[in-house]
Amino acid sequence: MLKIILCDDDRFTLTIFSELLQEAINRLSISANILCRASSTNELLNFLNKNPDNNYIFFLDLDMGNDELNGLDLSRIIRNRFPASKIVWLSTYNS
């Protein structure tokens, strides 16, 4: 089973991406669960502290707005704590 984690500071983007991803999971009959939909780095880190696992797939926004950490900072923390997990970076930035 794939264990998916989403993190984006834009709640609208987070909702749309989550719905599209869930639709793809259902349509393709993939054994996967979206376990966390975090809208801040703190929310994600709290989830990870309570649910440590080395086999997550992370979809992270690169620009986390007003958060202290951006997607790259968060990726470094994840890579250090969960080296077998996979990370995909996302951005809706126009440039």
C-alpha atoms as a PDB file:
ATOM      1  CA  MET A   1       0.000   0.000   0.000  1.00  0.00           C
ATOM      2  CA  LEU A   2       1.281   3.454  -0.934  1.00  0.00           C
ATOM      3  CA  LYS A   3       1.214   5.946   1.937  1.00  0.00           C
ATOM      4  CA  ILE A   4       0.801   9.444   0.539  1.00  0.00           C
ATOM      5  CA  ILE A   5       1.448  12.758   2.281  1.00  0.00           C
ATOM      6  CA  LEU A   6       0.451  16.123   0.782  1.00  0.00           C
ATOM      7  CA  CYS A   7       1.683  19.518   1.956  1.00  0.00           C
ATOM      8  CA  ASP A   8       0.752  22.871   0.413  1.00  0.00           C
ATOM      9  CA  ASP A   9       0.072  26.178   2.150  1.00  0.00           C
ATOM     10  CA  ASP A  10      -2.674  27.047  -0.364  1.00  0.00           C
ATOM     11  CA  ARG A  11      -5.744  25.190   0.898  1.00  0.00           C
ATOM     12  CA  PHE A  12      -7.514  25.442  -2.470  1.00  0.00           C
ATOM     13  CA  THR A  13      -4.555  23.877  -4.296  1.00  0.00           C
ATOM     14  CA  LEU A  14      -4.257  21.239  -1.578  1.00  0.00           C
ATOM     15  CA  THR A  15      -7.935  20.320  -1.937  1.00  0.00           C
ATOM     16  CA  ILE A  16      -7.885  20.195  -5.746  1.00  0.00           C
ATOM     17  CA  PHE A  17      -4.666  18.159  -5.887  1.00  0.00           C
ATOM     18  CA  SER A  18      -5.959  15.787  -3.218  1.00  0.00           C
ATOM     19  CA  GLU A  19      -9.218  15.230  -5.114  1.00  0.00           C
ATOM     20  CA  LEU A  20      -7.418  14.665  -8.437  1.00  0.00           C
ATOM     21  CA  LEU A  21      -4.947  12.273  -6.848  1.00  0.00           C
ATOM     22  CA  GLN A  22      -7.736  10.343  -5.102  1.00  0.00           C
ATOM     23  CA  GLU A  23      -9.635  10.123  -8.389  1.00  0.00           C
ATOM     24  CA  ALA A  24      -6.538   8.684 -10.115  1.00  0.00           C
ATOM     25  CA  ILE A  25      -6.003   6.204  -7.268  1.00  0.00           C
ATOM     26  CA  ASN A  26      -9.605   5.022  -7.575  1.00  0.00           C
ATOM     27  CA  ARG A  27      -9.681   4.917 -11.371  1.00  0.00           C
ATOM     28  CA  LEU A  28      -6.427   2.954 -11.608  1.00  0.00           C
ATOM     29  CA  SER A  29      -7.294   0.692  -8.650  1.00  0.00           C
ATOM     30  CA  ILE A  30      -4.036   1.559  -6.919  1.00  0.00           C
ATOM     31  CA  SER A  31      -3.562   0.384  -3.363  1.00  0.00           C
ATOM     32  CA  ALA A  32      -2.885   3.785  -1.810  1.00  0.00           C
ATOM     33  CA  ASN A  33      -4.117   6.075   0.950  1.00  0.00           C
ATOM     34  CA  ILE A  34      -3.674   9.800   1.370  1.00  0.00           C
ATOM     35  CA  LEU A  35      -2.792   9.831   5.062  1.00  0.00           C
ATOM     36  CA  CYS A  36      -2.129  13.529   5.600  1.00  0.00           C
ATOM     37  CA  ARG A  37      -3.190  16.753   3.893  1.00  0.00           C
ATOM     38  CA  ALA A  38      -1.114  19.396   5.668  1.00  0.00           C
ATOM     39  CA  SER A  39      -1.424  23.116   4.971  1.00  0.00           C
ATOM     40  CA  SER A  40       1.723  24.055   6.909  1.00  0.00           C
ATOM     41  CA  THR A  41       5.149  22.609   7.584  1.00  0.00           C
ATOM     42  CA  ASN A  42       4.372  22.498  11.321  1.00  0.00           C
ATOM     43  CA  GLU A  43       1.229  20.473  10.671  1.00  0.00           C
ATOM     44  CA  LEU A  44       3.223  18.024   8.551  1.00  0.00           C
ATOM     45  CA  LEU A  45       6.061  17.723  11.070  1.00  0.00           C
ATOM     46  CA  ASN A  46       3.544  17.085  13.873  1.00  0.00           C
ATOM     47  CA  PHE A  47       1.980  14.305  11.797  1.00  0.00           C
ATOM     48  CA  LEU A  48       5.396  12.752  11.120  1.00  0.00           C
ATOM     49  CA  ASN A  49       6.368  12.901  14.796  1.00  0.00           C
ATOM     50  CA  LYS A  50       3.211  10.962  15.667  1.00  0.00           C
ATOM     51  CA  ASN A  51       3.369   8.617  12.648  1.00  0.00           C
ATOM     52  CA  PRO A  52       6.991   7.828  11.758  1.00  0.00           C
ATOM     53  CA  ASP A  53       7.336   5.576   8.707  1.00  0.00           C
ATOM     54  CA  ASN A  54      10.115   5.181   6.169  1.00  0.00           C
ATOM     55  CA  ASN A  55       7.838   4.411   3.227  1.00  0.00           C
ATOM     56  CA  TYR A  56       5.875   7.570   2.547  1.00  0.00           C
ATOM     57  CA  ILE A  57       5.465   9.328  -0.781  1.00  0.00           C
ATOM     58  CA  PHE A  58       5.529  13.084  -0.199  1.00  0.00           C
ATOM     59  CA  PHE A  59       4.056  15.715  -2.510  1.00  0.00           C
ATOM     60  CA  LEU A  60       5.449  19.031  -1.244  1.00  0.00           C
ATOM     61  CA  ASP A  61       4.905  22.614  -2.299  1.00  0.00           C
ATOM     62  CA  LEU A  62       8.242  24.354  -2.836  1.00  0.00           C
ATOM     63  CA  ASP A  63       7.044  27.776  -1.649  1.00  0.00           C
ATOM     64  CA  MET A  64       5.268  27.432   1.681  1.00  0.00           C
ATOM     65  CA  GLY A  65       4.331  31.103   1.951  1.00  0.00           C
ATOM     66  CA  ASN A  66       4.782  32.444   5.470  1.00  0.00           C
ATOM     67  CA  ASP A  67       6.037  29.179   6.999  1.00  0.00           C
ATOM     68  CA  GLU A  68       9.502  29.177   8.550  1.00  0.00           C
ATOM     69  CA  LEU A  69      10.484  26.262   6.304  1.00  0.00           C
ATOM     70  CA  ASN A  70      10.078  26.005   2.551  1.00  0.00           C
ATOM     71  CA  GLY A  71       9.698  22.808   0.536  1.00  0.00           C
ATOM     72  CA  LEU A  72      13.458  22.376   0.148  1.00  0.00           C
ATOM     73  CA  ASP A  73      14.053  22.744   3.897  1.00  0.00           C
ATOM     74  CA  LEU A  74      11.271  20.278   4.582  1.00  0.00           C
ATOM     75  CA  SER A  75      12.741  17.857   2.025  1.00  0.00           C
ATOM     76  CA  ARG A  76      16.079  17.888   3.835  1.00  0.00           C
ATOM     77  CA  ILE A  77      14.382  17.039   7.132  1.00  0.00           C
ATOM     78  CA  ILE A  78      12.360  14.262   5.505  1.00  0.00           C
ATOM     79  CA  ARG A  79      15.383  12.817   3.681  1.00  0.00           C
ATOM     80  CA  ASN A  80      17.336  12.780   6.950  1.00  0.00           C
ATOM     81  CA  ARG A  81      14.562  11.137   9.006  1.00  0.00           C
ATOM     82  CA  PHE A  82      12.981   8.909   6.348  1.00  0.00           C
ATOM     83  CA  PRO A  83      15.668   8.119   3.750  1.00  0.00           C
ATOM     84  CA  ALA A  84      13.624   5.498   1.874  1.00  0.00           C
ATOM     85  CA  SER A  85      10.653   7.814   1.348  1.00  0.00           C
ATOM     86  CA  LYS A  86      10.053   9.450  -2.032  1.00  0.00           C
ATOM     87  CA  ILE A  87       9.607  13.198  -2.510  1.00  0.00           C
ATOM     88  CA  VAL A  88       7.823  14.996  -5.358  1.00  0.00           C
ATOM     89  CA  TRP A  89       7.968  18.798  -5.450  1.00  0.00           C
ATOM     90  CA  LEU A  90       4.976  20.811  -6.602  1.00  0.00           C
ATOM     91  CA  SER A  91       4.502  24.455  -7.435  1.00  0.00           C
ATOM     92  CA  THR A  92       1.785  26.599  -8.939  1.00  0.00           C
ATOM     93  CA  TYR A  93       4.204  29.500  -9.309  1.00  0.00           C
ATOM     94  CA  ASN A  94       3.900  31.015 -12.797  1.00  0.00           C
ATOM     95  CA  SER A  95       7.583  31.623 -13.549  1.00  0.00           C
END
